[in-house]
């Protein structure tokens, strides 16, 4: 879980830095540089990795998913009498 958080924080910081830099460049009426476009491409890749890791948390580990009665697999139910009889037989 902390792995996803770390990727998300790094991605957010990079996007904020890009936004601040581009705002400054636009205020000075300068076109975007090739370096900024390369950093944006890297930030898109980081965003994809962050999304992948978040998806793993939800779909593989079930984090943030509320389980309902219909999704729980039925289990065998034994009566107390059967359990006590089995217990007594195993002791003797």
Foldseek 3Di string as FASTA:
>chain_A
DVVLVVLVVVLVVLVVVLVVVVVVCVVVPHDDDPVSVVSVVVSVVSVVVSVVVVVCCCPVVNPPPDDDPVVDDDDDDDDPVVVVVVVVVVVD
